[in-house]
Amino acid sequence: MSRSEVNTIESNKEFGTIITRLINRENLTRSEARQAFITVLNNQTSEMQQGAFLSALTAKGETAGEVAGSWEAIYDMDTTKVSINPKVNLVENSGTGMDTFKTYNISTAASIIAAAGNIPMARHGARAITSLCGTVDMAEALGVDVECTAKVVAKSIETAGLGLFNGMSPHIHPMALGRILSQIFFGSTLNIAASLANPALPAIGVRGVYAREMILPVAEVMKEIGYKSAIVLHGCIENSSRGMDEASICGITHCARIDGEKISEFSIDPAKLGLATREIQALAPEPELSLESKRFAALINNKESGPRKDAALLNAGLIFLAADKVTSLEEGIERAACLLEKGRAFETLERWVASQNTDPEKGLKRLHSLVP
């Protein structure tokens, strides 16, 4: 047996002890989690063990330190960094995915509306893994260049007020993240940690999580890694065990808010906001991306009313609240509605497509083909 083969066996054995500890429900320190994820990112143990590690960590339930350690490994080792004017208070919004009810891409609609209200949105998303239209898929269908460099995205944030870093692109995460995410089809620590590895490091955010019990742990992680203002949430569906990583108009949304060093919990009742609906299927995406992109463009062009519009306004309102642009959620929803109805949101979408593009004319042609 060669020296390298011996080293591989020893490395696998050492990593196996980490997996055994997790199976036995023993928590890792932030430093141990960071080192374990470095091993995974470097592909220094077998893919079987990498999958077992993620499964065991998820089954045990991640601590804030474990998620922070995995985020640190991904950000330090496998994230392209960008520099944006430090005086700009960047904001991000995203969901972890892996929720039990798949909605249309509400977070993208909310981000466009928020950007129209002069909130600089530095987004970081991925292609769909278990849903029809992930954040990256939808942006691409609208005409955005999602395979561009991080510098192009940064310029788009500065010029259009909105940019999207593709979490599965080698331009953004050149080492391994795309490889790993494309091979797993269950919610794991990576859904949280990887989405937090934003090249622009925003300090303000709205983040949806796939389960209610993840709200406080994710809030703790976000506070630990530098977020100064953020809302972490999970939306429920009335009379159902299913939920969504978006604020819900079909039931109560449970939230935790980071305000400096404090974390406080609150809930949102859509009935009290005049947004409640029982039409949960109205929030589901169309069966084909080509159809969904046309319907999405119509929404941003203020050509659709009803549950889809209400969901976009609620989630955009939360971005205004997290960014301290309004004093209440009701005020945030009103501002979002005004921007959408005056056409400012669609103008912002056009600027985004033109700015985040190596071929702006081609991108705008695609976008305009979606609008009758």
Foldseek 3Di string as FASTA:
>chain_A
DDPVVVVLVVVQVVLVVVLVCLLVLHADALQVLLVSLLCVLQVSHDPVSVVSSQVSCVVSDHFLSNLLSNLCNQLVQFFDADDAPPVQQEEEEEELDQFQDAFFCLRVLLQLLLLLVVHQYQFEWEADQPAAGTPLNLLVLLQFDQQDAPVLQSQLSVFLSGGYHYLLHCNTGVGPRVVVVNPDRHRGSCSLSSRCSGNHNHQFYEYFYRDPVCAVRSVSNSLVVHRQWYKYKKDDAPPDPGTDRAHDLRAKIKIWIHHGPDIDIDIDHNVVLVQHDNPSVVRHADPHSNVRSLVSLCVQQVNDDHNSVSRSLQRSLVSCVRVVVDDDSSVSSVSSVVCSVVNSSSVSSLSSSLRNDPDSVSSNVSNVVSYD
